[in-house]
PDB file of N, CA and C in Angstrom:
ATOM      1  N   ALA A   1       6.704   5.913  -9.342  1.00  0.00           N
ATOM      2  CA  ALA A   1       6.987   5.687  -8.066  1.00  0.00           C
ATOM      3  C   ALA A   1       5.695   6.139  -7.008  1.00  0.00           C
ATOM      4  N   LEU A   2       4.941   7.228  -7.354  1.00  0.00           N
ATOM      5  CA  LEU A   2       4.028   7.447  -6.739  1.00  0.00           C
ATOM      6  C   LEU A   2       2.849   6.469  -6.466  1.00  0.00           C
ATOM      7  N   ILE A   3       2.573   5.853  -7.567  1.00  0.00           N
ATOM      8  CA  ILE A   3       1.333   4.621  -7.736  1.00  0.00           C
ATOM      9  C   ILE A   3       1.748   3.508  -6.979  1.00  0.00           C
ATOM     10  N   PHE A   4       3.330   3.449  -7.206  1.00  0.00           N
ATOM     11  CA  PHE A   4       3.728   2.153  -6.375  1.00  0.00           C
ATOM     12  C   PHE A   4       3.752   2.426  -4.945  1.00  0.00           C
ATOM     13  N   ALA A   5       4.011   3.407  -4.415  1.00  0.00           N
ATOM     14  CA  ALA A   5       3.776   3.749  -2.824  1.00  0.00           C
ATOM     15  C   ALA A   5       2.617   3.645  -2.361  1.00  0.00           C
ATOM     16  N   THR A   6       1.640   4.146  -3.217  1.00  0.00           N
ATOM     17  CA  THR A   6       0.412   3.968  -2.891  1.00  0.00           C
ATOM     18  C   THR A   6      -0.455   2.820  -2.727  1.00  0.00           C
ATOM     19  N   LEU A   7       0.163   1.860  -3.828  1.00  0.00           N
ATOM     20  CA  LEU A   7      -0.313   0.523  -3.866  1.00  0.00           C
ATOM     21  C   LEU A   7       0.226  -0.145  -2.740  1.00  0.00           C
ATOM     22  N   SER A   8       1.572   0.051  -2.253  1.00  0.00           N
ATOM     23  CA  SER A   8       2.287  -0.671  -1.317  1.00  0.00           C
ATOM     24  C   SER A   8       1.562  -0.321   0.032  1.00  0.00           C
ATOM     25  N   ALA A   9       1.340   1.014   0.428  1.00  0.00           N
ATOM     26  CA  ALA A   9       0.639   1.637   1.537  1.00  0.00           C
ATOM     27  C   ALA A   9      -0.774   0.673   1.654  1.00  0.00           C
ATOM     28  N   ALA A  10      -1.554   0.461   0.562  1.00  0.00           N
ATOM     29  CA  ALA A  10      -2.699   0.216   0.479  1.00  0.00           C
ATOM     30  C   ALA A  10      -2.828  -1.333   0.891  1.00  0.00           C
ATOM     31  N   TYR A  11      -1.786  -2.019   0.396  1.00  0.00           N
ATOM     32  CA  TYR A  11      -1.652  -3.468   0.488  1.00  0.00           C
ATOM     33  C   TYR A  11      -1.321  -3.793   1.941  1.00  0.00           C
ATOM     34  N   ILE A  12      -0.298  -3.090   2.437  1.00  0.00           N
ATOM     35  CA  ILE A  12       0.161  -3.180   3.790  1.00  0.00           C
ATOM     36  C   ILE A  12      -0.937  -3.086   4.824  1.00  0.00           C
ATOM     37  N   GLY A  13      -1.534  -1.847   4.546  1.00  0.00           N
ATOM     38  CA  GLY A  13      -2.523  -1.479   5.485  1.00  0.00           C
ATOM     39  C   GLY A  13      -3.495  -2.553   5.495  1.00  0.00           C
ATOM     40  N   GLU A  14      -3.859  -2.974   4.413  1.00  0.00           N
ATOM     41  CA  GLU A  14      -5.025  -4.283   4.329  1.00  0.00           C
ATOM     42  C   GLU A  14      -4.515  -5.293   5.152  1.00  0.00           C
ATOM     43  N   ALA A  15      -3.323  -5.603   4.892  1.00  0.00           N
ATOM     44  CA  ALA A  15      -2.762  -6.952   5.411  1.00  0.00           C
ATOM     45  C   ALA A  15      -2.561  -6.767   7.040  1.00  0.00           C
ATOM     46  N   LEU A  16      -2.428  -5.535   7.648  1.00  0.00           N
ATOM     47  CA  LEU A  16      -2.325  -5.243   8.872  1.00  0.00           C
ATOM     48  C   LEU A  16      -3.668  -5.529   9.584  1.00  0.00           C
ATOM     49  N   GLU A  17      -4.629  -4.873   8.786  1.00  0.00           N
ATOM     50  CA  GLU A  17      -6.053  -4.724   9.422  1.00  0.00           C
ATOM     51  C   GLU A  17      -6.578  -6.227   9.572  1.00  0.00           C
TER      52      GLU A  17
END
């Protein structure tokens, strides 16, 4: 769950930028 949340946050953050 932790790794998934981290990857999700990184992916979303990159998409927003």
